[in-house]
Amino acid sequence: MSAEGFMSKADSILEKIKETQLPAIKEAATLIADSIAQGGALHFFDSGHATGELLGRAGGLFAIHPIRLNISVEHPKPPTRPDETPKRGWYQDARVMDFVLDSCHLRAGDVLYQCSVTGSSAAVVELALGAKKRGVKVVALTSPAYSKAITSHHPSGKFLYQVADLVIDNCGEVGDAMLEIPGLDTLACPSSGLAFIYISWALLAEVMRQLLSRGIKPQVYKSINLPGAPEFNEKAKATYEQKGI
């Protein structure tokens, strides 16, 4: 009954999101629509596992600017050196975000849609704080319940949900996994990816509706498998690059 069990748990989480998070989703959509309508931009940073879901997809917005990070240091330890405490990854070092933010094309009045299941890493919290200092509104998709059960790695001890301007709760459980399968020593099947897709597309659908209600037509990708799609998308891209919408 694992397949049915997963579907049942997934249905209950999605229903909870619909019942409790719709006002926050609509409020976030208004922030984004206001920004785009006034010449601002929608930035996107996801520390989860479904980042590509929103980018370049049929029916998706051209007006999404992802922040992608690729920071690594390779330095083999000399053989005569004693063993050391393992170095922290850059993700747990808030200092790296000054460089990242200075390298981003952020402007006051923009919106950052920032997604992190726990919102506990130093980099995630510092990115939100730094964006806000630059006049950018931060919309967070995260799990406050999960955050409250663990320790933050940010020097302030705060989590993403505590520093964002607006929070959308993914309604997941502590630990993310949600399904008990007899014989396993831990829960199986995370809910955060499912919640991310459900919430994010609802959010973008509402952004599109609100822009159209203002007489502003956003550019949207057409499936490349349909006749005339390459030409359609090239024209939409050109319009987007000219108008930013």
Protein backbone atom coordinates (compact mmCIF):
# COMPACT_ATOMS: atom_id res chain seq x y z
CA MET A 1 0.00 0.00 0.00
CA SER A 2 3.02 2.32 -0.22
CA ALA A 3 1.93 3.96 -3.48
CA GLU A 4 -1.55 4.63 -2.11
CA GLY A 5 -0.03 5.73 1.19
CA PHE A 6 2.18 8.27 -0.53
CA MET A 7 -0.71 9.63 -2.56
CA SER A 8 -2.88 9.94 0.53
CA LYS A 9 -0.17 11.83 2.45
CA ALA A 10 0.55 14.01 -0.57
CA ASP A 11 -3.14 14.83 -0.98
CA SER A 12 -3.41 15.87 2.66
CA ILE A 13 -0.36 18.15 2.46
CA LEU A 14 -1.52 19.80 -0.76
CA GLU A 15 -4.98 20.31 0.73
CA LYS A 16 -3.39 21.89 3.82
CA ILE A 17 -1.40 24.23 1.60
CA LYS A 18 -4.55 25.22 -0.27
CA GLU A 19 -6.48 25.81 2.95
CA THR A 20 -3.79 27.75 4.82
CA GLN A 21 -1.31 29.30 2.37
CA LEU A 22 -3.48 30.76 -0.39
CA PRO A 23 -3.59 34.25 1.21
CA ALA A 24 0.21 34.31 1.50
CA ILE A 25 0.59 33.07 -2.09
CA LYS A 26 -1.71 35.83 -3.37
CA GLU A 27 0.05 38.45 -1.28
CA ALA A 28 3.40 37.31 -2.66
CA ALA A 29 2.00 37.43 -6.19
CA THR A 30 0.94 41.03 -5.62
CA LEU A 31 4.45 41.96 -4.46
CA ILE A 32 5.90 40.39 -7.61
CA ALA A 33 3.30 41.87 -9.97
CA ASP A 34 3.79 45.32 -8.42
CA SER A 35 7.54 45.03 -8.92
CA ILE A 36 7.37 43.86 -12.53
CA ALA A 37 4.75 46.48 -13.40
CA GLN A 38 7.05 49.20 -12.07
CA GLY A 39 10.13 48.01 -13.95
CA GLY A 40 11.46 45.72 -11.23
CA ALA A 41 12.60 42.13 -11.55
CA LEU A 42 11.82 38.74 -10.05
CA HIS A 43 14.93 36.97 -8.78
CA PHE A 44 14.93 33.31 -7.75
CA PHE A 45 17.18 31.31 -5.47
CA ASP A 46 16.47 27.71 -4.52
CA SER A 47 18.63 25.65 -2.19
CA GLY A 48 16.37 22.62 -2.64
CA HIS A 49 16.10 20.01 -5.36
CA ALA A 50 13.68 21.36 -7.95
CA THR A 51 15.40 24.55 -9.10
CA GLY A 52 15.04 23.87 -12.83
CA GLU A 53 11.28 23.31 -12.56
CA LEU A 54 10.49 27.01 -12.99
CA LEU A 55 13.06 27.86 -15.66
CA GLY A 56 12.39 27.73 -19.38
CA ARG A 57 9.35 25.53 -18.97
CA ALA A 58 6.33 25.55 -21.27
CA GLY A 59 3.80 27.91 -19.71
CA GLY A 60 6.44 29.55 -17.53
CA LEU A 61 7.51 33.17 -17.33
CA PHE A 62 10.48 34.61 -19.13
CA ALA A 63 10.73 37.09 -16.27
CA ILE A 64 12.54 34.87 -13.75
CA HIS A 65 16.18 35.61 -12.97
CA PRO A 66 17.82 32.67 -11.16
CA ILE A 67 20.79 33.17 -8.86
CA ARG A 68 23.15 30.25 -9.38
CA LEU A 69 26.19 29.69 -7.19
CA ASN A 70 29.17 27.46 -7.87
CA ILE A 71 31.86 28.03 -5.28
CA SER A 72 34.51 25.43 -4.58
CA VAL A 73 38.04 25.25 -3.19
CA GLU A 74 40.37 22.34 -3.96
CA HIS A 75 43.48 22.11 -1.83
CA PRO A 76 44.91 18.69 -0.86
CA LYS A 77 46.32 18.54 2.67
CA PRO A 78 50.09 18.04 2.80
CA PRO A 79 50.81 14.51 4.08
CA THR A 80 52.91 15.73 7.02
CA ARG A 81 50.13 17.90 8.41
CA PRO A 82 48.12 16.50 11.32
CA ASP A 83 44.46 15.75 10.82
CA GLU A 84 42.35 18.86 11.22
CA THR A 85 38.76 19.56 11.96
CA PRO A 86 36.96 19.40 8.60
CA LYS A 87 36.55 22.83 7.03
CA ARG A 88 33.05 24.21 6.87
CA GLY A 89 31.51 24.38 3.43
CA TRP A 90 30.94 27.85 2.02
CA TYR A 91 27.22 27.30 2.49
CA GLN A 92 27.68 27.65 6.23
CA ASP A 93 29.81 30.79 5.94
CA ALA A 94 27.81 34.02 5.85
CA ARG A 95 30.84 36.02 4.68
CA VAL A 96 30.67 34.68 1.14
CA MET A 97 27.31 36.37 0.56
CA ASP A 98 28.79 39.88 0.40
CA PHE A 99 30.64 38.86 -2.75
CA VAL A 100 27.60 37.03 -4.14
CA LEU A 101 25.23 39.94 -3.57
CA ASP A 102 27.66 42.45 -5.02
CA SER A 103 27.87 40.21 -8.11
CA CYS A 104 24.08 40.04 -8.54
CA HIS A 105 21.97 42.49 -10.54
CA LEU A 106 19.69 43.49 -7.68
CA ARG A 107 17.91 46.82 -7.45
CA ALA A 108 15.61 48.39 -4.89
CA GLY A 109 12.02 47.47 -5.71
CA ASP A 110 12.87 43.99 -6.98
CA VAL A 111 11.59 40.76 -5.40
CA LEU A 112 13.62 37.68 -4.45
CA TYR A 113 11.73 34.39 -4.31
CA GLN A 114 13.93 32.34 -2.01
CA CYS A 115 13.28 28.66 -1.36
CA SER A 116 14.89 26.57 1.37
CA VAL A 117 13.26 23.71 3.22
CA THR A 118 14.84 24.50 6.61
CA GLY A 119 16.20 27.98 5.94
CA SER A 120 18.98 27.18 8.39
CA SER A 121 22.21 27.65 6.44
CA ALA A 122 24.28 30.78 6.98
CA ALA A 123 24.33 31.54 3.26
CA VAL A 124 20.55 31.32 2.86
CA VAL A 125 19.86 33.65 5.79
CA GLU A 126 22.60 36.08 4.77
CA LEU A 127 21.33 36.20 1.19
CA ALA A 128 17.90 37.26 2.44
CA LEU A 129 19.35 39.85 4.82
CA GLY A 130 21.67 41.25 2.16
CA ALA A 131 18.89 41.46 -0.43
CA LYS A 132 16.68 43.35 2.02
CA LYS A 133 19.51 45.81 2.74
CA ARG A 134 19.53 46.52 -0.99
CA GLY A 135 15.81 47.31 -0.99
CA VAL A 136 14.68 43.94 -2.37
CA LYS A 137 11.56 42.29 -0.95
CA VAL A 138 12.15 38.67 0.07
CA VAL A 139 9.42 36.04 -0.36
CA ALA A 140 10.45 32.82 1.37
CA LEU A 141 9.15 29.32 0.74
CA THR A 142 10.25 27.27 3.72
CA SER A 143 9.14 25.11 6.66
CA PRO A 144 8.98 27.07 9.93
CA ALA A 145 8.07 23.86 11.78
CA TYR A 146 11.25 22.18 10.57
CA SER A 147 13.32 25.28 11.39
CA LYS A 148 12.07 25.34 14.97
CA ALA A 149 13.23 21.75 15.50
CA ILE A 150 16.87 22.38 14.54
CA THR A 151 19.69 24.90 15.04
CA SER A 152 20.50 27.72 12.64
CA HIS A 153 24.03 28.02 11.25
CA HIS A 154 23.76 31.80 10.82
CA PRO A 155 25.71 33.86 13.39
CA SER A 156 22.48 35.55 14.46
CA GLY A 157 20.81 32.21 15.19
CA LYS A 158 17.95 33.19 12.89
CA PHE A 159 16.26 31.24 10.11
CA LEU A 160 14.97 32.30 6.70
CA TYR A 161 11.38 32.45 7.93
CA GLN A 162 12.43 34.98 10.58
CA VAL A 163 14.12 37.43 8.20
CA ALA A 164 11.97 37.28 5.05
CA ASP A 165 9.36 39.93 4.27
CA LEU A 166 6.72 37.31 3.51
CA VAL A 167 6.68 33.58 4.29
CA ILE A 168 4.88 30.78 2.48
CA ASP A 169 4.84 27.60 4.56
CA ASN A 170 5.42 24.37 2.62
CA CYS A 171 3.39 22.60 5.34
CA GLY A 172 5.90 19.77 5.55
CA GLU A 173 6.86 17.74 8.58
CA VAL A 174 10.08 17.92 10.56
CA GLY A 175 12.63 15.90 8.62
CA ASP A 176 10.75 16.43 5.32
CA ALA A 177 10.08 12.71 4.76
CA MET A 178 6.44 11.89 5.38
CA LEU A 179 5.67 8.22 4.79
CA GLU A 180 6.04 5.33 7.21
CA ILE A 181 6.85 2.07 5.41
CA PRO A 182 7.04 -1.05 7.61
CA GLY A 183 10.57 -2.43 7.67
CA LEU A 184 12.35 0.91 7.25
CA ASP A 185 14.18 2.59 10.13
CA THR A 186 13.15 6.09 9.08
CA LEU A 187 10.35 7.83 7.22
CA ALA A 188 10.41 7.82 3.41
CA CYS A 189 9.45 10.16 0.57
CA PRO A 190 9.96 13.91 1.08
CA SER A 191 7.12 16.35 0.62
CA SER A 192 9.10 19.53 -0.02
CA GLY A 193 9.58 19.00 -3.77
CA LEU A 194 5.89 18.35 -4.27
CA ALA A 195 5.02 21.43 -2.20
CA PHE A 196 7.55 23.56 -4.08
CA ILE A 197 6.01 22.73 -7.44
CA TYR A 198 2.43 23.13 -6.22
CA ILE A 199 3.06 26.46 -4.51
CA SER A 200 5.43 27.94 -7.08
CA TRP A 201 3.19 27.36 -10.08
CA ALA A 202 0.17 28.65 -8.15
CA LEU A 203 2.22 31.74 -7.30
CA LEU A 204 3.29 32.32 -10.91
CA ALA A 205 -0.22 31.71 -12.21
CA GLU A 206 -1.47 34.42 -9.86
CA VAL A 207 1.33 36.77 -10.95
CA MET A 208 0.30 36.31 -14.59
CA ARG A 209 -3.36 36.90 -13.76
CA GLN A 210 -2.62 40.04 -11.80
CA LEU A 211 -0.41 41.47 -14.52
CA LEU A 212 -3.05 40.80 -17.17
CA SER A 213 -5.70 42.45 -14.98
CA ARG A 214 -3.55 45.60 -15.12
CA GLY A 215 -3.32 45.45 -18.89
CA ILE A 216 0.25 44.09 -18.79
CA LYS A 217 0.91 40.98 -20.88
CA PRO A 218 3.83 38.89 -19.58
CA GLN A 219 5.87 36.79 -21.98
CA VAL A 220 5.36 33.04 -21.51
CA TYR A 221 7.20 30.08 -23.00
CA LYS A 222 5.41 27.86 -25.52
CA SER A 223 6.25 24.15 -25.65
CA ILE A 224 9.03 23.63 -28.17
CA ASN A 225 7.27 20.46 -29.34
CA LEU A 226 4.35 22.42 -30.79
CA PRO A 227 4.29 23.76 -34.37
CA GLY A 228 5.69 27.28 -34.63
CA ALA A 229 7.05 27.21 -31.07
CA PRO A 230 10.65 28.23 -31.89
CA GLU A 231 9.43 31.32 -33.72
CA PHE A 232 6.93 32.08 -30.96
CA ASN A 233 9.57 31.83 -28.25
CA GLU A 234 12.11 33.91 -30.17
CA LYS A 235 9.54 36.66 -30.61
CA ALA A 236 8.54 36.42 -26.93
CA LYS A 237 12.20 36.56 -25.89
CA ALA A 238 12.80 39.66 -28.01
CA THR A 239 9.76 41.35 -26.51
CA TYR A 240 10.85 40.42 -23.00
CA GLU A 241 14.37 41.73 -23.55
CA GLN A 242 12.91 44.99 -24.82
CA LYS A 243 10.22 45.52 -22.17
CA GLY A 244 11.37 43.35 -19.24
CA ILE A 245 7.92 41.77 -18.93
